[in-house]
Each structure stands twice: as C-alpha cells, then as structure tokens.
Protein backbone atom coordinates (compact mmCIF):
# COMPACT_ATOMS: atom_id res chain seq x y z
CA MET A 1 23.14 22.00 55.18
CA HIS A 2 20.53 22.96 57.86
CA LYS A 3 20.20 26.70 58.94
CA LEU A 4 19.00 26.85 62.67
CA LYS A 5 16.24 29.08 63.31
CA ASP A 6 16.58 29.64 66.98
CA GLU A 7 14.79 32.86 68.01
CA THR A 8 15.23 32.22 71.60
CA GLY A 9 15.60 35.80 73.20
CA ALA A 10 14.57 37.83 70.09
CA ALA A 11 11.40 39.07 72.01
CA THR A 12 13.58 40.10 74.95
CA ALA A 13 16.10 41.85 72.76
CA GLU A 14 13.25 43.59 70.93
CA TYR A 15 11.97 44.77 74.42
CA ALA A 16 15.24 45.99 75.64
CA ILE A 17 15.62 48.03 72.40
CA ALA A 18 12.38 49.72 72.76
CA THR A 19 12.92 50.45 76.61
CA MET A 20 16.44 51.97 75.59
CA ALA A 21 14.52 54.17 72.97
CA ALA A 22 11.94 55.17 75.40
CA VAL A 23 14.48 56.09 78.03
CA GLY A 24 16.46 58.23 75.50
CA PHE A 25 13.20 59.99 74.50
CA ALA A 26 12.38 60.68 78.07
CA GLY A 27 15.86 61.91 78.73
CA LEU A 28 15.67 64.40 75.58
CA LEU A 29 12.02 65.65 77.03
CA VAL A 30 13.61 66.20 80.43
CA ILE A 31 16.38 68.28 78.89
CA ILE A 32 13.98 70.27 76.77
CA MET A 33 11.60 70.84 79.61
CA ARG A 34 14.42 72.40 81.71
CA SER A 35 14.52 75.32 79.27
CA ASP A 36 12.36 78.26 80.81
CA GLU A 37 11.33 79.36 77.30
CA VAL A 38 10.05 76.18 76.32
CA ARG A 39 8.21 75.67 79.60
CA GLN A 40 6.68 78.96 79.00
CA ILE A 41 5.66 78.23 75.46
CA LEU A 42 3.97 75.01 76.57
CA PHE A 43 2.43 76.52 79.70
CA ASP A 44 0.91 79.38 77.42
CA LEU A 45 -0.21 76.65 74.75
CA VAL A 46 -2.05 74.71 77.50
CA ARG A 47 -3.69 77.90 79.08
CA SER A 48 -4.99 79.05 75.77
CA ALA A 49 -6.33 75.36 74.91
CA LEU A 50 -8.18 75.33 78.38
CA THR A 51 -9.36 79.08 78.09
CA PHE A 52 -12.76 79.43 76.20
CA THR A 53 -12.98 82.57 74.41
CA ASN A 54 -15.62 83.33 71.86
CA PRO A 55 -13.97 85.03 68.74
CA ASN A 56 -17.33 86.75 67.74
CA SER A 57 -17.69 88.60 71.26
CA SER A 58 -16.22 91.97 71.67
CA PRO A 59 -13.97 92.74 74.66
CA ALA A 60 -15.64 93.95 77.74
CA PRO A 61 -15.85 97.85 78.11
C-alpha cells in the first residue's frame, strides 16, 4: 500500500495560519492601546528612554 505525500497547498495553509495569528495579535494590541493607563505608561517609557539624564549630576538650583 502506497501512502500519498501530496503536500500541495501546505505552504498556503501555513501562511494563512501565520496571517491569522498576526491579525489576532494586532487586534489584541489595538484593544490594549485603547486603554488610557497603558497608553500613558508606554508614553512615559518612551519619553524616559529618549530623555538623557546624567545620574551623577545634581539637580539645578
């Protein structure tokens, strides 16, 4: 008895699954980013990452 190893469409199915996962992840990010708290946390994180402060310097008088 011969088993058929026809993999026609296998790559297409893999691309479809990966695309569905990416769309689901993007949807989750959209839901998370609609939260004002999360948006503020991310904004503060980016602002602190882009602001250079010398930890050895004393505050200005």
